[in-house]
Amino acid sequence: TVPHPRMHERAFVLRPLAEICPAASVPG
C-alpha cells in the first residue's frame, strides 16, 4: 500500500520526511 498507511499521522515519519523534502506530497 502506497502511500504507506498511517504515515500521515505519524510524527516519527513526517518529521524526517519534512526535513529532507517539506513539499513531499502524500497523495490525497
mmCIF file of all heavy atoms, coordinates in Angstrom:
data_MODEL
# 
_entry.id   MODEL 
# 
loop_
_atom_site.group_PDB 
_atom_site.id 
_atom_site.type_symbol 
_atom_site.label_atom_id 
_atom_site.label_alt_id 
_atom_site.label_comp_id 
_atom_site.label_asym_id 
_atom_site.label_entity_id 
_atom_site.label_seq_id 
_atom_site.pdbx_PDB_ins_code 
_atom_site.Cartn_x 
_atom_site.Cartn_y 
_atom_site.Cartn_z 
_atom_site.occupancy 
_atom_site.B_iso_or_equiv 
_atom_site.pdbx_formal_charge 
_atom_site.auth_seq_id 
_atom_site.auth_comp_id 
_atom_site.auth_asym_id 
_atom_site.auth_atom_id 
_atom_site.pdbx_PDB_model_num 
ATOM 1   N N   . THR A 1 1  ? 0.855  -1.180 0.000  1.00 0.00 ? 1  THR A N   1 
ATOM 2   C CA  . THR A 1 1  ? 0.000  0.000  0.000  1.00 0.00 ? 1  THR A CA  1 
ATOM 3   C C   . THR A 1 1  ? 0.893  1.232  0.000  1.00 0.00 ? 1  THR A C   1 
ATOM 4   O O   . THR A 1 1  ? 1.754  1.382  0.877  1.00 0.00 ? 1  THR A O   1 
ATOM 5   C CB  . THR A 1 1  ? -0.923 0.027  1.235  1.00 0.00 ? 1  THR A CB  1 
ATOM 6   O OG1 . THR A 1 1  ? -1.714 -1.170 1.249  1.00 0.00 ? 1  THR A OG1 1 
ATOM 7   C CG2 . THR A 1 1  ? -1.832 1.239  1.219  1.00 0.00 ? 1  THR A CG2 1 
ATOM 8   N N   . VAL A 1 2  ? 0.721  2.081  -1.013 1.00 0.00 ? 2  VAL A N   1 
ATOM 9   C CA  . VAL A 1 2  ? 1.472  3.330  -1.139 1.00 0.00 ? 2  VAL A CA  1 
ATOM 10  C C   . VAL A 1 2  ? 0.466  4.419  -1.488 1.00 0.00 ? 2  VAL A C   1 
ATOM 11  O O   . VAL A 1 2  ? -0.338 4.211  -2.389 1.00 0.00 ? 2  VAL A O   1 
ATOM 12  C CB  . VAL A 1 2  ? 2.551  3.227  -2.250 1.00 0.00 ? 2  VAL A CB  1 
ATOM 13  C CG1 . VAL A 1 2  ? 3.235  4.556  -2.477 1.00 0.00 ? 2  VAL A CG1 1 
ATOM 14  C CG2 . VAL A 1 2  ? 3.577  2.149  -1.903 1.00 0.00 ? 2  VAL A CG2 1 
ATOM 15  N N   . PRO A 1 3  ? 0.476  5.562  -0.787 1.00 0.00 ? 3  PRO A N   1 
ATOM 16  C CA  . PRO A 1 3  ? 1.365  5.904  0.305  1.00 0.00 ? 3  PRO A CA  1 
ATOM 17  C C   . PRO A 1 3  ? 1.157  4.962  1.496  1.00 0.00 ? 3  PRO A C   1 
ATOM 18  O O   . PRO A 1 3  ? 0.094  4.362  1.658  1.00 0.00 ? 3  PRO A O   1 
ATOM 19  C CB  . PRO A 1 3  ? 0.987  7.338  0.677  1.00 0.00 ? 3  PRO A CB  1 
ATOM 20  C CG  . PRO A 1 3  ? -0.262 7.664  -0.040 1.00 0.00 ? 3  PRO A CG  1 
ATOM 21  C CD  . PRO A 1 3  ? -0.485 6.622  -1.074 1.00 0.00 ? 3  PRO A CD  1 
ATOM 22  N N   . HIS A 1 4  ? 2.205  4.871  2.297  1.00 0.00 ? 4  HIS A N   1 
ATOM 23  C CA  . HIS A 1 4  ? 2.154  3.963  3.433  1.00 0.00 ? 4  HIS A CA  1 
ATOM 24  C C   . HIS A 1 4  ? 0.994  4.354  4.345  1.00 0.00 ? 4  HIS A C   1 
ATOM 25  O O   . HIS A 1 4  ? 0.833  5.516  4.690  1.00 0.00 ? 4  HIS A O   1 
ATOM 26  C CB  . HIS A 1 4  ? 3.477  4.008  4.208  1.00 0.00 ? 4  HIS A CB  1 
ATOM 27  C CG  . HIS A 1 4  ? 3.586  2.925  5.222  1.00 0.00 ? 4  HIS A CG  1 
ATOM 28  N ND1 . HIS A 1 4  ? 3.046  3.041  6.480  1.00 0.00 ? 4  HIS A ND1 1 
ATOM 29  C CD2 . HIS A 1 4  ? 4.168  1.707  5.170  1.00 0.00 ? 4  HIS A CD2 1 
ATOM 30  C CE1 . HIS A 1 4  ? 3.280  1.939  7.167  1.00 0.00 ? 4  HIS A CE1 1 
ATOM 31  N NE2 . HIS A 1 4  ? 3.964  1.109  6.380  1.00 0.00 ? 4  HIS A NE2 1 
ATOM 32  N N   . PRO A 1 5  ? 0.166  3.376  4.737  1.00 0.00 ? 5  PRO A N   1 
ATOM 33  C CA  . PRO A 1 5  ? -0.972 3.709  5.597  1.00 0.00 ? 5  PRO A CA  1 
ATOM 34  C C   . PRO A 1 5  ? -0.504 4.302  6.922  1.00 0.00 ? 5  PRO A C   1 
ATOM 35  O O   . PRO A 1 5  ? 0.508  3.901  7.471  1.00 0.00 ? 5  PRO A O   1 
ATOM 36  C CB  . PRO A 1 5  ? -1.669 2.360  5.828  1.00 0.00 ? 5  PRO A CB  1 
ATOM 37  C CG  . PRO A 1 5  ? -0.855 1.323  5.164  1.00 0.00 ? 5  PRO A CG  1 
ATOM 38  C CD  . PRO A 1 5  ? 0.291  1.956  4.462  1.00 0.00 ? 5  PRO A CD  1 
ATOM 39  N N   . ARG A 1 6  ? -1.194 5.238  7.396  1.00 0.00 ? 6  ARG A N   1 
ATOM 40  C CA  . ARG A 1 6  ? -0.962 5.905  8.679  1.00 0.00 ? 6  ARG A CA  1 
ATOM 41  C C   . ARG A 1 6  ? 0.271  6.806  8.697  1.00 0.00 ? 6  ARG A C   1 
ATOM 42  O O   . ARG A 1 6  ? 0.542  7.434  9.706  1.00 0.00 ? 6  ARG A O   1 
ATOM 43  C CB  . ARG A 1 6  ? -0.900 4.890  9.835  1.00 0.00 ? 6  ARG A CB  1 
ATOM 44  C CG  . ARG A 1 6  ? -2.186 4.090  10.007 1.00 0.00 ? 6  ARG A CG  1 
ATOM 45  C CD  . ARG A 1 6  ? -2.071 2.984  11.022 1.00 0.00 ? 6  ARG A CD  1 
ATOM 46  N NE  . ARG A 1 6  ? -0.939 2.089  10.850 1.00 0.00 ? 6  ARG A NE  1 
ATOM 47  C CZ  . ARG A 1 6  ? -0.847 1.091  9.961  1.00 0.00 ? 6  ARG A CZ  1 
ATOM 48  N NH1 . ARG A 1 6  ? -1.834 0.852  9.137  1.00 0.00 ? 6  ARG A NH1 1 
ATOM 49  N NH2 . ARG A 1 6  ? 0.218  0.327  9.894  1.00 0.00 ? 6  ARG A NH2 1 
ATOM 50  N N   . MET A 1 7  ? 1.022  6.912  7.600  1.00 0.00 ? 7  MET A N   1 
ATOM 51  C CA  . MET A 1 7  ? 2.199  7.793  7.641  1.00 0.00 ? 7  MET A CA  1 
ATOM 52  C C   . MET A 1 7  ? 1.790  9.231  7.905  1.00 0.00 ? 7  MET A C   1 
ATOM 53  O O   . MET A 1 7  ? 2.532  9.982  8.515  1.00 0.00 ? 7  MET A O   1 
ATOM 54  C CB  . MET A 1 7  ? 3.046  7.683  6.367  1.00 0.00 ? 7  MET A CB  1 
ATOM 55  C CG  . MET A 1 7  ? 2.433  8.288  5.129  1.00 0.00 ? 7  MET A CG  1 
ATOM 56  S SD  . MET A 1 7  ? 3.540  8.264  3.693  1.00 0.00 ? 7  MET A SD  1 
ATOM 57  C CE  . MET A 1 7  ? 4.605  9.650  4.051  1.00 0.00 ? 7  MET A CE  1 
ATOM 58  N N   . HIS A 1 8  ? 0.593  9.599  7.460  1.00 0.00 ? 8  HIS A N   1 
ATOM 59  C CA  . HIS A 1 8  ? 0.111  10.970 7.602  1.00 0.00 ? 8  HIS A CA  1 
ATOM 60  C C   . HIS A 1 8  ? -0.187 11.354 9.056  1.00 0.00 ? 8  HIS A C   1 
ATOM 61  O O   . HIS A 1 8  ? -0.378 12.519 9.355  1.00 0.00 ? 8  HIS A O   1 
ATOM 62  C CB  . HIS A 1 8  ? -1.133 11.185 6.734  1.00 0.00 ? 8  HIS A CB  1 
ATOM 63  C CG  . HIS A 1 8  ? -2.282 10.310 7.121  1.00 0.00 ? 8  HIS A CG  1 
ATOM 64  N ND1 . HIS A 1 8  ? -2.357 8.987  6.751  1.00 0.00 ? 8  HIS A ND1 1 
ATOM 65  C CD2 . HIS A 1 8  ? -3.374 10.568 7.872  1.00 0.00 ? 8  HIS A CD2 1 
ATOM 66  C CE1 . HIS A 1 8  ? -3.466 8.468  7.238  1.00 0.00 ? 8  HIS A CE1 1 
ATOM 67  N NE2 . HIS A 1 8  ? -4.106 9.410  7.930  1.00 0.00 ? 8  HIS A NE2 1 
ATOM 68  N N   . GLU A 1 9  ? -0.207 10.363 9.957  1.00 0.00 ? 9  GLU A N   1 
ATOM 69  C CA  . GLU A 1 9  ? -0.478 10.658 11.360 1.00 0.00 ? 9  GLU A CA  1 
ATOM 70  C C   . GLU A 1 9  ? 0.676  10.267 12.276 1.00 0.00 ? 9  GLU A C   1 
ATOM 71  O O   . GLU A 1 9  ? 0.513  10.189 13.489 1.00 0.00 ? 9  GLU A O   1 
ATOM 72  C CB  . GLU A 1 9  ? -1.777 9.961  11.798 1.00 0.00 ? 9  GLU A CB  1 
ATOM 73  C CG  . GLU A 1 9  ? -1.760 8.476  11.594 1.00 0.00 ? 9  GLU A CG  1 
ATOM 74  C CD  . GLU A 1 9  ? -3.141 7.830  11.718 1.00 0.00 ? 9  GLU A CD  1 
ATOM 75  O OE1 . GLU A 1 9  ? -4.148 8.473  11.390 1.00 0.00 ? 9  GLU A OE1 1 
ATOM 76  O OE2 . GLU A 1 9  ? -3.194 6.655  12.142 1.00 0.00 ? 9  GLU A OE2 1 
ATOM 77  N N   . ARG A 1 10 ? 1.843  10.033 11.702 1.00 0.00 ? 10 ARG A N   1 
ATOM 78  C CA  . ARG A 1 10 ? 2.995  9.590  12.485 1.00 0.00 ? 10 ARG A CA  1 
ATOM 79  C C   . ARG A 1 10 ? 4.137  10.597 12.386 1.00 0.00 ? 10 ARG A C   1 
ATOM 80  O O   . ARG A 1 10 ? 4.804  10.697 11.357 1.00 0.00 ? 10 ARG A O   1 
ATOM 81  C CB  . ARG A 1 10 ? 3.458  8.212  12.001 1.00 0.00 ? 10 ARG A CB  1 
ATOM 82  C CG  . ARG A 1 10 ? 2.425  7.147  12.309 1.00 0.00 ? 10 ARG A CG  1 
ATOM 83  C CD  . ARG A 1 10 ? 2.887  5.795  11.896 1.00 0.00 ? 10 ARG A CD  1 
ATOM 84  N NE  . ARG A 1 10 ? 2.022  4.777  12.476 1.00 0.00 ? 10 ARG A NE  1 
ATOM 85  C CZ  . ARG A 1 10 ? 2.086  3.505  12.173 1.00 0.00 ? 10 ARG A CZ  1 
ATOM 86  N NH1 . ARG A 1 10 ? 2.967  3.082  11.287 1.00 0.00 ? 10 ARG A NH1 1 
ATOM 87  N NH2 . ARG A 1 10 ? 1.285  2.643  12.744 1.00 0.00 ? 10 ARG A NH2 1 
ATOM 88  N N   . ALA A 1 11 ? 4.350  11.291 13.480 1.00 0.00 ? 11 ALA A N   1 
ATOM 89  C CA  . ALA A 1 11 ? 5.407  12.305 13.509 1.00 0.00 ? 11 ALA A CA  1 
ATOM 90  C C   . ALA A 1 11 ? 6.785  11.691 13.279 1.00 0.00 ? 11 ALA A C   1 
ATOM 91  O O   . ALA A 1 11 ? 7.650  12.328 12.688 1.00 0.00 ? 11 ALA A O   1 
ATOM 92  C CB  . ALA A 1 11 ? 5.374  13.066 14.838 1.00 0.00 ? 11 ALA A CB  1 
ATOM 93  N N   . PHE A 1 12 ? 6.994  10.450 13.699 1.00 0.00 ? 12 PHE A N   1 
ATOM 94  C CA  . PHE A 1 12 ? 8.305  9.827  13.513 1.00 0.00 ? 12 PHE A CA  1 
ATOM 95  C C   . PHE A 1 12 ? 8.608  9.551  12.040 1.00 0.00 ? 12 PHE A C   1 
ATOM 96  O O   . PHE A 1 12 ? 9.764  9.315  11.676 1.00 0.00 ? 12 PHE A O   1 
ATOM 97  C CB  . PHE A 1 12 ? 8.471  8.559  14.362 1.00 0.00 ? 12 PHE A CB  1 
ATOM 98  C CG  . PHE A 1 12 ? 7.570  7.409  13.986 1.00 0.00 ? 12 PHE A CG  1 
ATOM 99  C CD1 . PHE A 1 12 ? 7.925  6.516  12.983 1.00 0.00 ? 12 PHE A CD1 1 
ATOM 100 C CD2 . PHE A 1 12 ? 6.377  7.207  14.659 1.00 0.00 ? 12 PHE A CD2 1 
ATOM 101 C CE1 . PHE A 1 12 ? 7.107  5.450  12.644 1.00 0.00 ? 12 PHE A CE1 1 
ATOM 102 C CE2 . PHE A 1 12 ? 5.545  6.140  14.337 1.00 0.00 ? 12 PHE A CE2 1 
ATOM 103 C CZ  . PHE A 1 12 ? 5.914  5.259  13.327 1.00 0.00 ? 12 PHE A CZ  1 
ATOM 104 N N   . VAL A 1 13 ? 7.600  9.617  11.180 1.00 0.00 ? 13 VAL A N   1 
ATOM 105 C CA  . VAL A 1 13 ? 7.790  9.550  9.724  1.00 0.00 ? 13 VAL A CA  1 
ATOM 106 C C   . VAL A 1 13 ? 7.810  10.957 9.137  1.00 0.00 ? 13 VAL A C   1 
ATOM 107 O O   . VAL A 1 13 ? 8.680  11.300 8.339  1.00 0.00 ? 13 VAL A O   1 
ATOM 108 C CB  . VAL A 1 13 ? 6.677  8.708  9.052  1.00 0.00 ? 13 VAL A CB  1 
ATOM 109 C CG1 . VAL A 1 13 ? 6.764  8.807  7.536  1.00 0.00 ? 13 VAL A CG1 1 
ATOM 110 C CG2 . VAL A 1 13 ? 6.733  7.268  9.505  1.00 0.00 ? 13 VAL A CG2 1 
ATOM 111 N N   . LEU A 1 14 ? 6.861  11.772 9.535  1.00 0.00 ? 14 LEU A N   1 
ATOM 112 C CA  . LEU A 1 14 ? 6.706  13.099 8.931  1.00 0.00 ? 14 LEU A CA  1 
ATOM 113 C C   . LEU A 1 14 ? 7.838  14.060 9.269  1.00 0.00 ? 14 LEU A C   1 
ATOM 114 O O   . LEU A 1 14 ? 8.241  14.847 8.407  1.00 0.00 ? 14 LEU A O   1 
ATOM 115 C CB  . LEU A 1 14 ? 5.362  13.699 9.348  1.00 0.00 ? 14 LEU A CB  1 
ATOM 116 C CG  . LEU A 1 14 ? 4.145  12.956 8.818  1.00 0.00 ? 14 LEU A CG  1 
ATOM 117 C CD1 . LEU A 1 14 ? 2.874  13.478 9.478  1.00 0.00 ? 14 LEU A CD1 1 
ATOM 118 C CD2 . LEU A 1 14 ? 4.060  13.069 7.298  1.00 0.00 ? 14 LEU A CD2 1 
ATOM 119 N N   . ARG A 1 15 ? 8.355  14.026 10.492 1.00 0.00 ? 15 ARG A N   1 
ATOM 120 C CA  . ARG A 1 15 ? 9.434  14.956 10.843 1.00 0.00 ? 15 ARG A CA  1 
ATOM 121 C C   . ARG A 1 15 ? 10.677 14.716 9.976  1.00 0.00 ? 15 ARG A C   1 
ATOM 122 O O   . ARG A 1 15 ? 11.182 15.654 9.377  1.00 0.00 ? 15 ARG A O   1 
ATOM 123 C CB  . ARG A 1 15 ? 9.768  14.900 12.319 1.00 0.00 ? 15 ARG A CB  1 
ATOM 124 C CG  . ARG A 1 15 ? 10.875 15.923 12.644 1.00 0.00 ? 15 ARG A CG  1 
ATOM 125 C CD  . ARG A 1 15 ? 10.967 16.286 14.082 1.00 0.00 ? 15 ARG A CD  1 
ATOM 126 N NE  . ARG A 1 15 ? 9.750  16.981 14.489 1.00 0.00 ? 15 ARG A NE  1 
ATOM 127 C CZ  . ARG A 1 15 ? 9.295  16.989 15.729 1.00 0.00 ? 15 ARG A CZ  1 
ATOM 128 N NH1 . ARG A 1 15 ? 9.936  16.362 16.679 1.00 0.00 ? 15 ARG A NH1 1 
ATOM 129 N NH2 . ARG A 1 15 ? 8.191  17.640 16.027 1.00 0.00 ? 15 ARG A NH2 1 
ATOM 130 N N   . PRO A 1 16 ? 11.182 13.480 9.858  1.00 0.00 ? 16 PRO A N   1 
ATOM 131 C CA  . PRO A 1 16 ? 12.342 13.301 8.972  1.00 0.00 ? 16 PRO A CA  1 
ATOM 132 C C   . PRO A 1 16 ? 12.012 13.516 7.493  1.00 0.00 ? 16 PRO A C   1 
ATOM 133 O O   . PRO A 1 16 ? 12.845 14.022 6.741  1.00 0.00 ? 16 PRO A O   1 
ATOM 134 C CB  . PRO A 1 16 ? 12.812 11.871 9.251  1.00 0.00 ? 16 PRO A CB  1 
ATOM 135 C CG  . PRO A 1 16 ? 11.746 11.214 10.038 1.00 0.00 ? 16 PRO A CG  1 
ATOM 136 C CD  . PRO A 1 16 ? 10.896 12.273 10.646 1.00 0.00 ? 16 PRO A CD  1 
ATOM 137 N N   . LEU A 1 17 ? 10.798 13.174 7.066  1.00 0.00 ? 17 LEU A N   1 
ATOM 138 C CA  . LEU A 1 17 ? 10.401 13.419 5.676  1.00 0.00 ? 17 LEU A CA  1 
ATOM 139 C C   . LEU A 1 17 ? 10.367 14.921 5.407  1.00 0.00 ? 17 LEU A C   1 
ATOM 140 O O   . LEU A 1 17 ? 10.909 15.383 4.388  1.00 0.00 ? 17 LEU A O   1 
ATOM 141 C CB  . LEU A 1 17 ? 9.039  12.785 5.380  1.00 0.00 ? 17 LEU A CB  1 
ATOM 142 C CG  . LEU A 1 17 ? 8.469  13.017 3.979  1.00 0.00 ? 17 LEU A CG  1 
ATOM 143 C CD1 . LEU A 1 17 ? 9.401  12.487 2.894  1.00 0.00 ? 17 LEU A CD1 1 
ATOM 144 C CD2 . LEU A 1 17 ? 7.082  12.375 3.870  1.00 0.00 ? 17 LEU A CD2 1 
ATOM 145 N N   . ALA A 1 18 ? 9.772  15.687 6.300  1.00 0.00 ? 18 ALA A N   1 
ATOM 146 C CA  . ALA A 1 18 ? 9.702  17.142 6.124  1.00 0.00 ? 18 ALA A CA  1 
ATOM 147 C C   . ALA A 1 18 ? 11.084 17.781 6.191  1.00 0.00 ? 18 ALA A C   1 
ATOM 148 O O   . ALA A 1 18 ? 11.317 18.807 5.560  1.00 0.00 ? 18 ALA A O   1 
ATOM 149 C CB  . ALA A 1 18 ? 8.778  17.761 7.173  1.00 0.00 ? 18 ALA A CB  1 
ATOM 150 N N   . GLU A 1 19 ? 12.013 17.169 6.916  1.00 0.00 ? 19 GLU A N   1 
ATOM 151 C CA  . GLU A 1 19 ? 13.383 17.686 6.969  1.00 0.00 ? 19 GLU A CA  1 
ATOM 152 C C   . GLU A 1 19 ? 14.025 17.648 5.584  1.00 0.00 ? 19 GLU A C   1 
ATOM 153 O O   . GLU A 1 19 ? 14.668 18.612 5.170  1.00 0.00 ? 19 GLU A O   1 
ATOM 154 C CB  . GLU A 1 19 ? 14.232 16.869 7.945  1.00 0.00 ? 19 GLU A CB  1 
ATOM 155 C CG  . GLU A 1 19 ? 15.692 17.261 7.956  1.00 0.00 ? 19 GLU A CG  1 
ATOM 156 C CD  . GLU A 1 19 ? 16.589 16.267 8.663  1.00 0.00 ? 19 GLU A CD  1 
ATOM 157 O OE1 . GLU A 1 19 ? 16.132 15.577 9.596  1.00 0.00 ? 19 GLU A OE1 1 
ATOM 158 O OE2 . GLU A 1 19 ? 17.766 16.173 8.271  1.00 0.00 ? 19 GLU A OE2 1 
ATOM 159 N N   . ILE A 1 20 ? 13.865 16.540 4.870  1.00 0.00 ? 20 ILE A N   1 
ATOM 160 C CA  . ILE A 1 20 ? 14.551 16.419 3.574  1.00 0.00 ? 20 ILE A CA  1 
ATOM 161 C C   . ILE A 1 20 ? 13.721 16.936 2.410  1.00 0.00 ? 20 ILE A C   1 
ATOM 162 O O   . ILE A 1 20 ? 14.277 17.314 1.387  1.00 0.00 ? 20 ILE A O   1 
ATOM 163 C CB  . ILE A 1 20 ? 15.057 14.982 3.302  1.00 0.00 ? 20 ILE A CB  1 
ATOM 164 C CG1 . ILE A 1 20 ? 13.922 13.966 3.271  1.00 0.00 ? 20 ILE A CG1 1 
ATOM 165 C CG2 . ILE A 1 20 ? 16.121 14.590 4.314  1.00 0.00 ? 20 ILE A CG2 1 
ATOM 166 C CD1 . ILE A 1 20 ? 14.356 12.559 2.863  1.00 0.00 ? 20 ILE A CD1 1 
ATOM 167 N N   . CYS A 1 21 ? 12.382 16.959 2.569  1.00 0.00 ? 21 CYS A N   1 
ATOM 168 C CA  . CYS A 1 21 ? 11.528 17.464 1.493  1.00 0.00 ? 21 CYS A CA  1 
ATOM 169 C C   . CYS A 1 21 ? 10.179 17.893 2.056  1.00 0.00 ? 21 CYS A C   1 
ATOM 170 O O   . CYS A 1 21 ? 9.210  17.115 2.011  1.00 0.00 ? 21 CYS A O   1 
ATOM 171 C CB  . CYS A 1 21 ? 11.350 16.406 0.402  1.00 0.00 ? 21 CYS A CB  1 
ATOM 172 S SG  . CYS A 1 21 ? 10.487 17.064 -1.043 1.00 0.00 ? 21 CYS A SG  1 
ATOM 173 N N   . PRO A 1 22 ? 10.091 19.123 2.590  1.00 0.00 ? 22 PRO A N   1 
ATOM 174 C CA  . PRO A 1 22 ? 8.830  19.568 3.175  1.00 0.00 ? 22 PRO A CA  1 
ATOM 175 C C   . PRO A 1 22 ? 7.668  19.549 2.181  1.00 0.00 ? 22 PRO A C   1 
ATOM 176 O O   . PRO A 1 22 ? 6.515  19.398 2.578  1.00 0.00 ? 22 PRO A O   1 
ATOM 177 C CB  . PRO A 1 22 ? 9.117  20.989 3.656  1.00 0.00 ? 22 PRO A CB  1 
ATOM 178 C CG  . PRO A 1 22 ? 10.517 21.308 3.287  1.00 0.00 ? 22 PRO A CG  1 
ATOM 179 C CD  . PRO A 1 22 ? 11.141 20.112 2.665  1.00 0.00 ? 22 PRO A CD  1 
ATOM 180 N N   . ALA A 1 23 ? 7.971  19.677 0.886  1.00 0.00 ? 23 ALA A N   1 
ATOM 181 C CA  . ALA A 1 23 ? 6.924  19.698 -0.138 1.00 0.00 ? 23 ALA A CA  1 
ATOM 182 C C   . ALA A 1 23 ? 6.558  18.303 -0.635 1.00 0.00 ? 23 ALA A C   1 
ATOM 183 O O   . ALA A 1 23 ? 5.708  18.175 -1.522 1.00 0.00 ? 23 ALA A O   1 
ATOM 184 C CB  . ALA A 1 23 ? 7.367  20.566 -1.312 1.00 0.00 ? 23 ALA A CB  1 
ATOM 185 N N   . ALA A 1 24 ? 7.174  17.248 -0.074 1.00 0.00 ? 24 ALA A N   1 
ATOM 186 C CA  . ALA A 1 24 ? 6.819  15.890 -0.488 1.00 0.00 ? 24 ALA A CA  1 
ATOM 187 C C   . ALA A 1 24 ? 5.315  15.709 -0.318 1.00 0.00 ? 24 ALA A C   1 
ATOM 188 O O   . ALA A 1 24 ? 4.765  15.971 0.753  1.00 0.00 ? 24 ALA A O   1 
ATOM 189 C CB  . ALA A 1 24 ? 7.578  14.858 0.333  1.00 0.00 ? 24 ALA A CB  1 
ATOM 190 N N   . SER A 1 25 ? 4.663  15.273 -1.376 1.00 0.00 ? 25 SER A N   1 
ATOM 191 C CA  . SER A 1 25 ? 3.206  15.168 -1.375 1.00 0.00 ? 25 SER A CA  1 
ATOM 192 C C   . SER A 1 25 ? 2.764  13.749 -1.043 1.00 0.00 ? 25 SER A C   1 
ATOM 193 O O   . SER A 1 25 ? 3.216  12.785 -1.669 1.00 0.00 ? 25 SER A O   1 
ATOM 194 C CB  . SER A 1 25 ? 2.661  15.565 -2.751 1.00 0.00 ? 25 SER A CB  1 
ATOM 195 O OG  . SER A 1 25 ? 1.270  15.404 -2.766 1.00 0.00 ? 25 SER A OG  1 
ATOM 196 N N   . VAL A 1 26 ? 1.898  13.654 -0.060 1.00 0.00 ? 26 VAL A N   1 
ATOM 197 C CA  . VAL A 1 26 ? 1.253  12.389 0.266  1.00 0.00 ? 26 VAL A CA  1 
ATOM 198 C C   . VAL A 1 26 ? -0.098 12.431 -0.448 1.00 0.00 ? 26 VAL A C   1 
ATOM 199 O O   . VAL A 1 26 ? -0.989 13.180 -0.034 1.00 0.00 ? 26 VAL A O   1 
ATOM 200 C CB  . VAL A 1 26 ? 1.088  12.216 1.791  1.00 0.00 ? 26 VAL A CB  1 
ATOM 201 C CG1 . VAL A 1 26 ? 0.411  10.889 2.109  1.00 0.00 ? 26 VAL A CG1 1 
ATOM 202 C CG2 . VAL A 1 26 ? 2.437  12.328 2.495  1.00 0.00 ? 26 VAL A CG2 1 
ATOM 203 N N   . PRO A 1 27 ? -0.242 11.698 -1.554 1.00 0.00 ? 27 PRO A N   1 
ATOM 204 C CA  . PRO A 1 27 ? -1.458 11.799 -2.365 1.00 0.00 ? 27 PRO A CA  1 
ATOM 205 C C   . PRO A 1 27 ? -2.737 11.698 -1.533 1.00 0.00 ? 27 PRO A C   1 
ATOM 206 O O   . PRO A 1 27 ? -2.885 10.811 -0.697 1.00 0.00 ? 27 PRO A O   1 
ATOM 207 C CB  . PRO A 1 27 ? -1.329 10.624 -3.341 1.00 0.00 ? 27 PRO A CB  1 
ATOM 208 C CG  . PRO A 1 27 ? 0.150  10.426 -3.485 1.00 0.00 ? 27 PRO A CG  1 
ATOM 209 C CD  . PRO A 1 27 ? 0.695  10.706 -2.093 1.00 0.00 ? 27 PRO A CD  1 
ATOM 210 N N   . GLY A 1 28 ? -3.607 12.673 -1.762 1.00 0.00 ? 28 GLY A N   1 
ATOM 211 C CA  . GLY A 1 28 ? -4.882 12.696 -1.082 1.00 0.00 ? 28 GLY A CA  1 
ATOM 212 C C   . GLY A 1 28 ? -4.842 13.241 0.335  1.00 0.00 ? 28 GLY A C   1 
ATOM 213 O O   . GLY A 1 28 ? -5.880 13.326 1.000  1.00 0.00 ? 28 GLY A O   1 
# 
